[in-house]
Amino acid sequence: MQPNNSKYRDKSREPSYTVAEPTTLLPFLLGTLKGKSRNNVKSLLSRKLVTVDGKPTSQFDTPLAPGQVVTILSVSAPKQDTLPFPILFEDEHLIVVNKPAKLLSVGNEKEKVRTAYHMVTDYVKSQHIDNRIFVIHRLDRDTSGVLMFAKDEATKELFQSRWNDIVTRRGYLAVVEGTPRPERDTIHSYLVETKTHMIFSGDPGPGAKEAITNYEVIKSGSGYSLLDISIDTGRKNQIRVHMMERGCPIAGDKQYDARTNPIGRLCLHANELSFTHPATGQPTTFKAKMPRDFNRVFR
C-alpha cells in the first residue's frame, strides 16, 4: 500500500528520470542520483520514496525497461516554519541565529536536553526532510548571541580547517563587576582545565591552550562596567576566566567568582561575527543587539 505522505509532499521538488536501457533499480539510482551514497539510496527505497511508473517500491532489484519513469518522492517533516529565537541570516550554505541564554548550543553525553542544534535541525528539515546542519562553533549555555551553523559538509570543513583565515572578528559585550585596569588591554594566557572542569590560566605546556582576549570599557556605573570584547582564540570559558583573573568577573558568573547576579543570567553576549563568506568571497558581518536587560544594571 502506498504510504499516505501527500500531506507533506512537495511535488515541485520530485525529480523524474526516464530509463534508457534495461537495468535494475539500485544501479539505475546510483548512476542517476549523483552525490547520493549507496546508503542514502537504500534509505530512499526503504522509506518507499521511489516510484516506478507511479508505483512505490522498496525492492532494490526491481527490473527496469526502456521508457519507464522513476520518480523520487519529496517528503518533508511536519512544518516548523519559525524558530523560538531570531534567524539573523540564511542562505544555501549557512544559517545564523541569535541564541538565547540558558540554551545549549549542542548536546553532550551528560545532558540529553533540547538544544539550539536540535531546534535549527527541525527548522531546516521542515523545508525538506533531507536537509541537515553542521556545527561550526559553539557558545556556552549561558552566553547569548550570534551562533552559526553550516548547511552542508563542505562549508563546515572549510570553516573548521581555515577558521583563523576566514573569521576576522568574534565580538562580545559583557557586564563585569567593577572596572578593569587598564580600561583597554589584551589578556594573553594559557588555559588549563581541571578534572572538575574548572578552567584557569597556567604555564604553557602539555594540555595548556593559548587564549587571547581584547577588551575595552564602554561605560561604568553602579559598580559595573560594560565591555566591548573580541577574542583571537575561541577557548572554553575564555572570556569568563580572563575577566575573573583581571579582578572583574562577569556579573552573574557564580562559577568564576561573581558576587552579584543583577539580571538572573550571565551578562555575556556574542554581539558580532565577521568572516569571509565561503561561497561569495565577500566580507560578511552579523550582529545581535545587546540584550535590553544589560542596561538595567546601570540604572
C-alpha atoms as a PDB file:
ATOM      1  CA  MET A   1       0.000   0.000   0.000  1.00  0.00           C
ATOM      2  CA  GLN A   2       1.325   3.450  -0.876  1.00  0.00           C
ATOM      3  CA  PRO A   3       2.213   5.481   2.259  1.00  0.00           C
ATOM      4  CA  ASN A   4      -0.042   8.464   2.831  1.00  0.00           C
ATOM      5  CA  ASN A   5       2.672  11.095   2.514  1.00  0.00           C
ATOM      6  CA  SER A   6       0.574  13.534   0.492  1.00  0.00           C
ATOM      7  CA  LYS A   7       0.141  15.874   3.457  1.00  0.00           C
ATOM      8  CA  TYR A   8       3.848  16.654   3.438  1.00  0.00           C
ATOM      9  CA  ARG A   9       4.587  16.188  -0.275  1.00  0.00           C
ATOM     10  CA  ASP A  10       6.250  18.943  -2.267  1.00  0.00           C
ATOM     11  CA  LYS A  11       5.674  17.708  -5.820  1.00  0.00           C
ATOM     12  CA  SER A  12       7.605  20.606  -7.306  1.00  0.00           C
ATOM     13  CA  ARG A  13      10.748  19.003  -5.883  1.00  0.00           C
ATOM     14  CA  GLU A  14      10.089  15.457  -7.152  1.00  0.00           C
ATOM     15  CA  PRO A  15      12.572  14.727  -9.966  1.00  0.00           C
ATOM     16  CA  SER A  16      11.700  12.067 -12.542  1.00  0.00           C
ATOM     17  CA  TYR A  17      14.095  10.076 -14.721  1.00  0.00           C
ATOM     18  CA  THR A  18      13.337   8.053 -17.852  1.00  0.00           C
ATOM     19  CA  VAL A  19      15.059   4.687 -18.200  1.00  0.00           C
ATOM     20  CA  ALA A  20      17.158   4.438 -21.372  1.00  0.00           C
ATOM     21  CA  GLU A  21      18.283   0.798 -21.277  1.00  0.00           C
ATOM     22  CA  PRO A  22      17.403  -2.410 -19.406  1.00  0.00           C
ATOM     23  CA  THR A  23      18.737  -2.472 -15.835  1.00  0.00           C
ATOM     24  CA  THR A  24      17.601  -2.874 -12.234  1.00  0.00           C
ATOM     25  CA  LEU A  25      16.564  -0.155  -9.814  1.00  0.00           C
ATOM     26  CA  LEU A  26      19.540   0.174  -7.454  1.00  0.00           C
ATOM     27  CA  PRO A  27      22.229   0.511 -10.156  1.00  0.00           C
ATOM     28  CA  PHE A  28      19.975   2.942 -12.021  1.00  0.00           C
ATOM     29  CA  LEU A  29      19.562   5.142  -8.928  1.00  0.00           C
ATOM     30  CA  LEU A  30      23.264   5.043  -8.067  1.00  0.00           C
ATOM     31  CA  GLY A  31      24.138   6.110 -11.596  1.00  0.00           C
ATOM     32  CA  THR A  32      21.452   8.796 -11.754  1.00  0.00           C
ATOM     33  CA  LEU A  33      21.489  10.419  -8.318  1.00  0.00           C
ATOM     34  CA  LYS A  34      24.926  11.982  -8.333  1.00  0.00           C
ATOM     35  CA  GLY A  35      26.144  12.892  -4.854  1.00  0.00           C
ATOM     36  CA  LYS A  36      23.953  10.290  -3.116  1.00  0.00           C
ATOM     37  CA  SER A  37      25.760   7.478  -1.337  1.00  0.00           C
ATOM     38  CA  ARG A  38      24.675   3.854  -1.514  1.00  0.00           C
ATOM     39  CA  ASN A  39      23.225   4.183   1.999  1.00  0.00           C
ATOM     40  CA  ASN A  40      21.295   7.324   1.004  1.00  0.00           C
ATOM     41  CA  VAL A  41      19.745   5.500  -1.940  1.00  0.00           C
ATOM     42  CA  LYS A  42      18.858   2.449   0.156  1.00  0.00           C
ATOM     43  CA  SER A  43      17.202   4.779   2.677  1.00  0.00           C
ATOM     44  CA  LEU A  44      15.013   6.232  -0.075  1.00  0.00           C
ATOM     45  CA  LEU A  45      13.985   2.719  -1.086  1.00  0.00           C
ATOM     46  CA  SER A  46      13.314   1.522   2.460  1.00  0.00           C
ATOM     47  CA  ARG A  47      11.008   4.511   3.036  1.00  0.00           C
ATOM     48  CA  LYS A  48       9.204   3.863  -0.267  1.00  0.00           C
ATOM     49  CA  LEU A  49      10.213   7.248  -1.602  1.00  0.00           C
ATOM     50  CA  VAL A  50      10.939   5.829  -5.065  1.00  0.00           C
ATOM     51  CA  THR A  51       8.227   5.085  -7.626  1.00  0.00           C
ATOM     52  CA  VAL A  52       8.408   3.260 -10.940  1.00  0.00           C
ATOM     53  CA  ASP A  53       5.669   4.418 -13.309  1.00  0.00           C
ATOM     54  CA  GLY A  54       3.880   5.907 -10.311  1.00  0.00           C
ATOM     55  CA  LYS A  55       4.019   2.796  -8.110  1.00  0.00           C
ATOM     56  CA  PRO A  56       6.186   2.958  -4.956  1.00  0.00           C
ATOM     57  CA  THR A  57       8.719   0.201  -4.441  1.00  0.00           C
ATOM     58  CA  SER A  58      11.316  -0.748  -1.857  1.00  0.00           C
ATOM     59  CA  GLN A  59      12.877  -3.547  -3.930  1.00  0.00           C
ATOM     60  CA  PHE A  60      16.414  -2.656  -4.999  1.00  0.00           C
ATOM     61  CA  ASP A  61      16.384  -5.335  -7.715  1.00  0.00           C
ATOM     62  CA  THR A  62      13.183  -4.150  -9.416  1.00  0.00           C
ATOM     63  CA  PRO A  63      13.736  -4.694 -13.169  1.00  0.00           C
ATOM     64  CA  LEU A  64      13.556  -1.593 -15.355  1.00  0.00           C
ATOM     65  CA  ALA A  65      12.811  -1.393 -19.070  1.00  0.00           C
ATOM     66  CA  PRO A  66      13.460   1.472 -21.503  1.00  0.00           C
ATOM     67  CA  GLY A  67      10.785   4.141 -21.301  1.00  0.00           C
ATOM     68  CA  GLN A  68       9.800   3.519 -17.688  1.00  0.00           C
ATOM     69  CA  VAL A  69       9.826   6.569 -15.408  1.00  0.00           C
ATOM     70  CA  VAL A  70      11.488   6.562 -11.981  1.00  0.00           C
ATOM     71  CA  THR A  71      10.446   9.350  -9.590  1.00  0.00           C
ATOM     72  CA  ILE A  72      11.965  10.376  -6.253  1.00  0.00           C
ATOM     73  CA  LEU A  73       9.250  11.499  -3.867  1.00  0.00           C
ATOM     74  CA  SER A  74       9.863  14.597  -1.768  1.00  0.00           C
ATOM     75  CA  VAL A  75       8.619  14.246   1.778  1.00  0.00           C
ATOM     76  CA  SER A  76       9.053  16.994   4.326  1.00  0.00           C
ATOM     77  CA  ALA A  77       8.746  16.805   8.053  1.00  0.00           C
ATOM     78  CA  PRO A  78       5.696  18.471   9.621  1.00  0.00           C
ATOM     79  CA  LYS A  79       6.153  22.186   9.212  1.00  0.00           C
ATOM     80  CA  GLN A  80       8.119  24.240  11.703  1.00  0.00           C
ATOM     81  CA  ASP A  81       8.268  27.491   9.782  1.00  0.00           C
ATOM     82  CA  THR A  82       9.752  29.521  12.620  1.00  0.00           C
ATOM     83  CA  LEU A  83      12.241  29.175  15.439  1.00  0.00           C
ATOM     84  CA  PRO A  84      11.737  30.347  19.038  1.00  0.00           C
ATOM     85  CA  PHE A  85      14.649  32.756  18.501  1.00  0.00           C
ATOM     86  CA  PRO A  86      15.597  35.118  15.642  1.00  0.00           C
ATOM     87  CA  ILE A  87      17.210  33.984  12.404  1.00  0.00           C
ATOM     88  CA  LEU A  88      19.793  36.634  11.516  1.00  0.00           C
ATOM     89  CA  PHE A  89      20.674  35.179   8.111  1.00  0.00           C
ATOM     90  CA  GLU A  90      20.068  32.125   5.973  1.00  0.00           C
ATOM     91  CA  ASP A  91      21.259  31.023   2.545  1.00  0.00           C
ATOM     92  CA  GLU A  92      22.025  27.667   0.945  1.00  0.00           C
ATOM     93  CA  HIS A  93      25.346  27.376   2.823  1.00  0.00           C
ATOM     94  CA  LEU A  94      24.781  28.935   6.263  1.00  0.00           C
ATOM     95  CA  ILE A  95      22.174  29.718   8.878  1.00  0.00           C
ATOM     96  CA  VAL A  96      22.934  32.286  11.592  1.00  0.00           C
ATOM     97  CA  VAL A  97      20.730  32.678  14.685  1.00  0.00           C
ATOM     98  CA  ASN A  98      20.569  34.761  17.852  1.00  0.00           C
ATOM     99  CA  LYS A  99      20.770  32.102  20.572  1.00  0.00           C
ATOM    100  CA  PRO A 100      19.129  32.951  23.891  1.00  0.00           C
ATOM    101  CA  ALA A 101      20.919  32.486  27.199  1.00  0.00           C
ATOM    102  CA  LYS A 102      20.417  29.222  29.122  1.00  0.00           C
ATOM    103  CA  LEU A 103      20.207  27.149  25.929  1.00  0.00           C
ATOM    104  CA  LEU A 104      22.943  24.669  25.000  1.00  0.00           C
ATOM    105  CA  SER A 105      24.397  25.122  21.533  1.00  0.00           C
ATOM    106  CA  VAL A 106      24.947  21.383  21.117  1.00  0.00           C
ATOM    107  CA  GLY A 107      24.177  18.434  23.380  1.00  0.00           C
ATOM    108  CA  ASN A 108      26.670  16.337  25.269  1.00  0.00           C
ATOM    109  CA  GLU A 109      26.758  12.898  26.846  1.00  0.00           C
ATOM    110  CA  LYS A 110      25.752  14.184  30.280  1.00  0.00           C
ATOM    111  CA  GLU A 111      22.826  16.386  29.281  1.00  0.00           C
ATOM    112  CA  LYS A 112      20.183  14.956  26.963  1.00  0.00           C
ATOM    113  CA  VAL A 113      18.204  18.168  26.586  1.00  0.00           C
ATOM    114  CA  ARG A 114      16.789  20.171  23.699  1.00  0.00           C
ATOM    115  CA  THR A 115      19.498  22.325  22.146  1.00  0.00           C
ATOM    116  CA  ALA A 116      19.877  25.077  19.557  1.00  0.00           C
ATOM    117  CA  TYR A 117      21.248  22.405  17.227  1.00  0.00           C
ATOM    118  CA  HIS A 118      18.086  20.308  17.588  1.00  0.00           C
ATOM    119  CA  MET A 119      15.806  23.291  17.024  1.00  0.00           C
ATOM    120  CA  VAL A 120      17.615  24.536  13.932  1.00  0.00           C
ATOM    121  CA  THR A 121      17.748  20.976  12.576  1.00  0.00           C
ATOM    122  CA  ASP A 122      13.962  20.693  12.896  1.00  0.00           C
ATOM    123  CA  TYR A 123      13.585  24.042  11.173  1.00  0.00           C
ATOM    124  CA  VAL A 124      15.685  23.137   8.112  1.00  0.00           C
ATOM    125  CA  LYS A 125      14.081  19.701   7.883  1.00  0.00           C
ATOM    126  CA  SER A 126      10.668  21.381   7.738  1.00  0.00           C
ATOM    127  CA  GLN A 127      11.810  22.740   4.375  1.00  0.00           C
ATOM    128  CA  HIS A 128      12.979  19.314   3.157  1.00  0.00           C
ATOM    129  CA  ILE A 129      13.430  16.085   5.071  1.00  0.00           C
ATOM    130  CA  ASP A 130      16.973  15.549   3.749  1.00  0.00           C
ATOM    131  CA  ASN A 131      18.252  18.951   4.917  1.00  0.00           C
ATOM    132  CA  ARG A 132      20.926  18.947   7.612  1.00  0.00           C
ATOM    133  CA  ILE A 133      23.040  21.368   9.609  1.00  0.00           C
ATOM    134  CA  PHE A 134      26.621  21.043  10.824  1.00  0.00           C
ATOM    135  CA  VAL A 135      28.308  22.536  13.888  1.00  0.00           C
ATOM    136  CA  ILE A 136      30.931  25.183  13.098  1.00  0.00           C
ATOM    137  CA  HIS A 137      31.424  26.747  16.539  1.00  0.00           C
ATOM    138  CA  ARG A 138      29.662  26.924  19.900  1.00  0.00           C
ATOM    139  CA  LEU A 139      28.566  29.360  22.567  1.00  0.00           C
ATOM    140  CA  ASP A 140      28.469  28.481  26.263  1.00  0.00           C
ATOM    141  CA  ARG A 141      24.979  27.597  27.509  1.00  0.00           C
ATOM    142  CA  ASP A 142      24.664  30.852  29.468  1.00  0.00           C
ATOM    143  CA  THR A 143      26.027  33.081  26.678  1.00  0.00           C
ATOM    144  CA  SER A 144      23.511  34.577  24.253  1.00  0.00           C
ATOM    145  CA  GLY A 145      24.105  35.891  20.751  1.00  0.00           C
ATOM    146  CA  VAL A 146      25.338  35.090  17.251  1.00  0.00           C
ATOM    147  CA  LEU A 147      25.580  31.355  16.558  1.00  0.00           C
ATOM    148  CA  MET A 148      26.243  29.958  13.079  1.00  0.00           C
ATOM    149  CA  PHE A 149      25.696  26.516  11.545  1.00  0.00           C
ATOM    150  CA  ALA A 150      26.731  25.209   8.132  1.00  0.00           C
ATOM    151  CA  LYS A 151      24.093  23.683   5.867  1.00  0.00           C
ATOM    152  CA  ASP A 152      26.497  21.408   4.019  1.00  0.00           C
ATOM    153  CA  GLU A 153      29.564  19.410   4.974  1.00  0.00           C
ATOM    154  CA  ALA A 154      31.924  21.221   2.606  1.00  0.00           C
ATOM    155  CA  THR A 155      31.165  24.581   4.259  1.00  0.00           C
ATOM    156  CA  LYS A 156      31.649  23.075   7.721  1.00  0.00           C
ATOM    157  CA  GLU A 157      35.001  21.587   6.785  1.00  0.00           C
ATOM    158  CA  LEU A 158      36.165  24.839   5.208  1.00  0.00           C
ATOM    159  CA  PHE A 159      35.402  26.833   8.358  1.00  0.00           C
ATOM    160  CA  GLN A 160      36.955  24.251  10.641  1.00  0.00           C
ATOM    161  CA  SER A 161      40.142  23.874   8.605  1.00  0.00           C
ATOM    162  CA  ARG A 162      40.656  27.591   7.907  1.00  0.00           C
ATOM    163  CA  TRP A 163      38.880  29.259  10.837  1.00  0.00           C
ATOM    164  CA  ASN A 164      41.635  31.760  11.583  1.00  0.00           C
ATOM    165  CA  ASP A 165      41.838  32.770   7.919  1.00  0.00           C
ATOM    166  CA  ILE A 166      38.084  33.072   7.345  1.00  0.00           C
ATOM    167  CA  VAL A 167      36.829  34.579  10.621  1.00  0.00           C
ATOM    168  CA  THR A 168      38.006  38.163  11.117  1.00  0.00           C
ATOM    169  CA  ARG A 169      36.192  39.115  14.333  1.00  0.00           C
ATOM    170  CA  ARG A 170      34.282  37.475  17.174  1.00  0.00           C
ATOM    171  CA  GLY A 171      32.835  40.271  19.248  1.00  0.00           C
ATOM    172  CA  TYR A 172      31.148  40.182  22.653  1.00  0.00           C
ATOM    173  CA  LEU A 173      29.527  42.550  25.117  1.00  0.00           C
ATOM    174  CA  ALA A 174      29.953  41.832  28.815  1.00  0.00           C
ATOM    175  CA  VAL A 175      28.846  43.462  32.042  1.00  0.00           C
ATOM    176  CA  VAL A 176      31.536  42.928  34.676  1.00  0.00           C
ATOM    177  CA  GLU A 177      31.775  43.727  38.356  1.00  0.00           C
ATOM    178  CA  GLY A 178      33.965  46.776  38.947  1.00  0.00           C
ATOM    179  CA  THR A 179      36.185  48.380  36.324  1.00  0.00           C
ATOM    180  CA  PRO A 180      39.237  46.586  34.912  1.00  0.00           C
ATOM    181  CA  ARG A 181      42.600  48.363  34.892  1.00  0.00           C
ATOM    182  CA  PRO A 182      43.771  49.438  32.461  1.00  0.00           C
ATOM    183  CA  GLU A 183      40.434  50.185  30.787  1.00  0.00           C
ATOM    184  CA  ARG A 184      41.745  48.909  27.458  1.00  0.00           C
ATOM    185  CA  ASP A 185      44.048  45.902  27.234  1.00  0.00           C
ATOM    186  CA  THR A 186      44.853  42.491  25.765  1.00  0.00           C
ATOM    187  CA  ILE A 187      44.973  39.463  28.066  1.00  0.00           C
ATOM    188  CA  HIS A 188      47.232  36.647  26.895  1.00  0.00           C
ATOM    189  CA  SER A 189      47.491  33.413  28.853  1.00  0.00           C
ATOM    190  CA  TYR A 190      47.433  29.623  28.615  1.00  0.00           C
ATOM    191  CA  LEU A 191      44.277  27.919  29.869  1.00  0.00           C
ATOM    192  CA  VAL A 192      44.245  24.607  31.697  1.00  0.00           C
ATOM    193  CA  GLU A 193      41.130  22.557  32.536  1.00  0.00           C
ATOM    194  CA  THR A 194      40.966  20.602  35.795  1.00  0.00           C
ATOM    195  CA  LYS A 195      39.345  17.213  36.322  1.00  0.00           C
ATOM    196  CA  THR A 196      36.338  19.058  37.776  1.00  0.00           C
ATOM    197  CA  HIS A 197      36.062  21.110  34.545  1.00  0.00           C
ATOM    198  CA  MET A 198      37.184  24.377  36.093  1.00  0.00           C
ATOM    199  CA  ILE A 199      39.476  26.421  33.872  1.00  0.00           C
ATOM    200  CA  PHE A 200      42.318  28.700  34.911  1.00  0.00           C
ATOM    201  CA  SER A 201      45.458  30.272  33.461  1.00  0.00           C
ATOM    202  CA  GLY A 202      48.649  28.296  33.933  1.00  0.00           C
ATOM    203  CA  ASP A 203      52.062  27.719  32.453  1.00  0.00           C
ATOM    204  CA  PRO A 204      52.373  26.802  28.778  1.00  0.00           C
ATOM    205  CA  GLY A 205      52.860  23.086  28.443  1.00  0.00           C
ATOM    206  CA  PRO A 206      51.049  19.828  27.733  1.00  0.00           C
ATOM    207  CA  GLY A 207      47.280  20.386  27.783  1.00  0.00           C
ATOM    208  CA  ALA A 208      47.528  24.176  28.074  1.00  0.00           C
ATOM    209  CA  LYS A 209      45.777  26.181  25.342  1.00  0.00           C
ATOM    210  CA  GLU A 210      46.760  29.679  24.291  1.00  0.00           C
ATOM    211  CA  ALA A 211      43.991  32.252  24.860  1.00  0.00           C
ATOM    212  CA  ILE A 212      43.929  35.904  23.781  1.00  0.00           C
ATOM    213  CA  THR A 213      41.179  38.331  24.816  1.00  0.00           C
ATOM    214  CA  ASN A 214      40.971  42.026  23.888  1.00  0.00           C
ATOM    215  CA  TYR A 215      38.710  44.343  25.898  1.00  0.00           C
ATOM    216  CA  GLU A 216      37.763  47.999  26.213  1.00  0.00           C
ATOM    217  CA  VAL A 217      35.494  49.686  28.745  1.00  0.00           C
ATOM    218  CA  ILE A 218      32.476  51.328  27.097  1.00  0.00           C
ATOM    219  CA  LYS A 219      30.892  52.736  30.252  1.00  0.00           C
ATOM    220  CA  SER A 220      30.883  52.291  34.024  1.00  0.00           C
ATOM    221  CA  GLY A 221      28.394  52.939  36.796  1.00  0.00           C
ATOM    222  CA  SER A 222      26.643  51.444  39.827  1.00  0.00           C
ATOM    223  CA  GLY A 223      29.640  49.201  40.472  1.00  0.00           C
ATOM    224  CA  TYR A 224      29.651  47.651  36.994  1.00  0.00           C
ATOM    225  CA  SER A 225      31.308  48.191  33.611  1.00  0.00           C
ATOM    226  CA  LEU A 226      30.154  47.376  30.099  1.00  0.00           C
ATOM    227  CA  LEU A 227      32.983  45.968  27.996  1.00  0.00           C
ATOM    228  CA  ASP A 228      33.484  45.598  24.263  1.00  0.00           C
ATOM    229  CA  ILE A 229      35.422  42.344  23.850  1.00  0.00           C
ATOM    230  CA  SER A 230      36.964  40.484  20.941  1.00  0.00           C
ATOM    231  CA  ILE A 231      38.778  37.179  21.051  1.00  0.00           C
ATOM    232  CA  ASP A 232      41.666  35.966  18.922  1.00  0.00           C
ATOM    233  CA  THR A 233      41.178  32.396  20.174  1.00  0.00           C
ATOM    234  CA  GLY A 234      37.959  30.563  20.982  1.00  0.00           C
ATOM    235  CA  ARG A 235      38.739  28.616  24.146  1.00  0.00           C
ATOM    236  CA  LYS A 236      36.137  27.218  26.501  1.00  0.00           C
ATOM    237  CA  ASN A 237      35.118  29.844  29.110  1.00  0.00           C
ATOM    238  CA  GLN A 238      37.972  32.049  27.886  1.00  0.00           C
ATOM    239  CA  ILE A 239      36.371  35.452  28.492  1.00  0.00           C
ATOM    240  CA  ARG A 240      34.924  34.393  31.835  1.00  0.00           C
ATOM    241  CA  VAL A 241      38.296  33.179  33.127  1.00  0.00           C
ATOM    242  CA  HIS A 242      40.197  36.224  31.889  1.00  0.00           C
ATOM    243  CA  MET A 243      37.757  38.672  33.457  1.00  0.00           C
ATOM    244  CA  MET A 244      37.850  36.816  36.765  1.00  0.00           C
ATOM    245  CA  GLU A 245      41.643  36.848  36.758  1.00  0.00           C
ATOM    246  CA  ARG A 246      41.611  40.565  35.992  1.00  0.00           C
ATOM    247  CA  GLY A 247      39.575  41.018  39.190  1.00  0.00           C
ATOM    248  CA  CYS A 248      36.324  41.870  37.378  1.00  0.00           C
ATOM    249  CA  PRO A 249      34.236  38.712  36.974  1.00  0.00           C
ATOM    250  CA  ILE A 250      31.278  38.802  34.627  1.00  0.00           C
ATOM    251  CA  ALA A 251      28.087  39.651  36.507  1.00  0.00           C
ATOM    252  CA  GLY A 252      26.021  36.545  37.172  1.00  0.00           C
ATOM    253  CA  ASP A 253      29.000  34.207  36.773  1.00  0.00           C
ATOM    254  CA  LYS A 254      28.965  32.421  40.119  1.00  0.00           C
ATOM    255  CA  GLN A 255      31.262  29.702  38.752  1.00  0.00           C
ATOM    256  CA  TYR A 256      34.006  32.278  38.259  1.00  0.00           C
ATOM    257  CA  ASP A 257      33.674  34.289  41.465  1.00  0.00           C
ATOM    258  CA  ALA A 258      30.934  36.817  40.631  1.00  0.00           C
ATOM    259  CA  ARG A 259      29.334  38.163  43.791  1.00  0.00           C
ATOM    260  CA  THR A 260      26.198  39.529  42.113  1.00  0.00           C
ATOM    261  CA  ASN A 261      23.544  38.383  39.649  1.00  0.00           C
ATOM    262  CA  PRO A 262      21.659  41.562  38.727  1.00  0.00           C
ATOM    263  CA  ILE A 263      19.528  40.207  35.852  1.00  0.00           C
ATOM    264  CA  GLY A 264      19.304  36.494  36.639  1.00  0.00           C
ATOM    265  CA  ARG A 265      21.729  35.363  33.933  1.00  0.00           C
ATOM    266  CA  LEU A 266      25.349  35.532  32.844  1.00  0.00           C
ATOM    267  CA  CYS A 267      25.943  39.023  31.431  1.00  0.00           C
ATOM    268  CA  LEU A 268      27.833  37.868  28.333  1.00  0.00           C
ATOM    269  CA  HIS A 269      26.502  38.297  24.797  1.00  0.00           C
ATOM    270  CA  ALA A 270      28.097  37.383  21.446  1.00  0.00           C
ATOM    271  CA  ASN A 271      27.117  40.502  19.514  1.00  0.00           C
ATOM    272  CA  GLU A 272      29.205  40.200  16.330  1.00  0.00           C
ATOM    273  CA  LEU A 273      30.633  37.607  13.966  1.00  0.00           C
ATOM    274  CA  SER A 274      32.605  38.747  10.905  1.00  0.00           C
ATOM    275  CA  PHE A 275      34.046  36.444   8.256  1.00  0.00           C
ATOM    276  CA  THR A 276      34.663  35.953   4.560  1.00  0.00           C
ATOM    277  CA  HIS A 277      31.673  34.151   3.074  1.00  0.00           C
ATOM    278  CA  PRO A 278      32.994  30.824   1.757  1.00  0.00           C
ATOM    279  CA  ALA A 279      30.808  30.857  -1.375  1.00  0.00           C
ATOM    280  CA  THR A 280      30.875  34.524  -2.416  1.00  0.00           C
ATOM    281  CA  GLY A 281      34.257  35.576  -1.025  1.00  0.00           C
ATOM    282  CA  GLN A 282      32.608  38.731   0.320  1.00  0.00           C
ATOM    283  CA  PRO A 283      33.288  40.212   3.788  1.00  0.00           C
ATOM    284  CA  THR A 284      30.232  39.396   5.899  1.00  0.00           C
ATOM    285  CA  THR A 285      29.194  40.606   9.355  1.00  0.00           C
ATOM    286  CA  PHE A 286      26.256  39.558  11.513  1.00  0.00           C
ATOM    287  CA  LYS A 287      25.283  41.409  14.667  1.00  0.00           C
ATOM    288  CA  ALA A 288      22.891  40.697  17.517  1.00  0.00           C
ATOM    289  CA  LYS A 289      21.797  43.704  19.553  1.00  0.00           C
ATOM    290  CA  MET A 290      22.738  43.882  23.213  1.00  0.00           C
ATOM    291  CA  PRO A 291      20.001  42.367  25.408  1.00  0.00           C
ATOM    292  CA  ARG A 292      17.848  45.139  26.880  1.00  0.00           C
ATOM    293  CA  ASP A 293      18.275  43.876  30.416  1.00  0.00           C
ATOM    294  CA  PHE A 294      22.022  44.630  30.288  1.00  0.00           C
ATOM    295  CA  ASN A 295      21.148  48.330  30.517  1.00  0.00           C
ATOM    296  CA  ARG A 296      19.116  47.747  33.690  1.00  0.00           C
ATOM    297  CA  VAL A 297      22.349  47.092  35.547  1.00  0.00           C
ATOM    298  CA  PHE A 298      23.406  50.736  35.153  1.00  0.00           C
ATOM    299  CA  ARG A 299      20.152  52.396  36.256  1.00  0.00           C
END
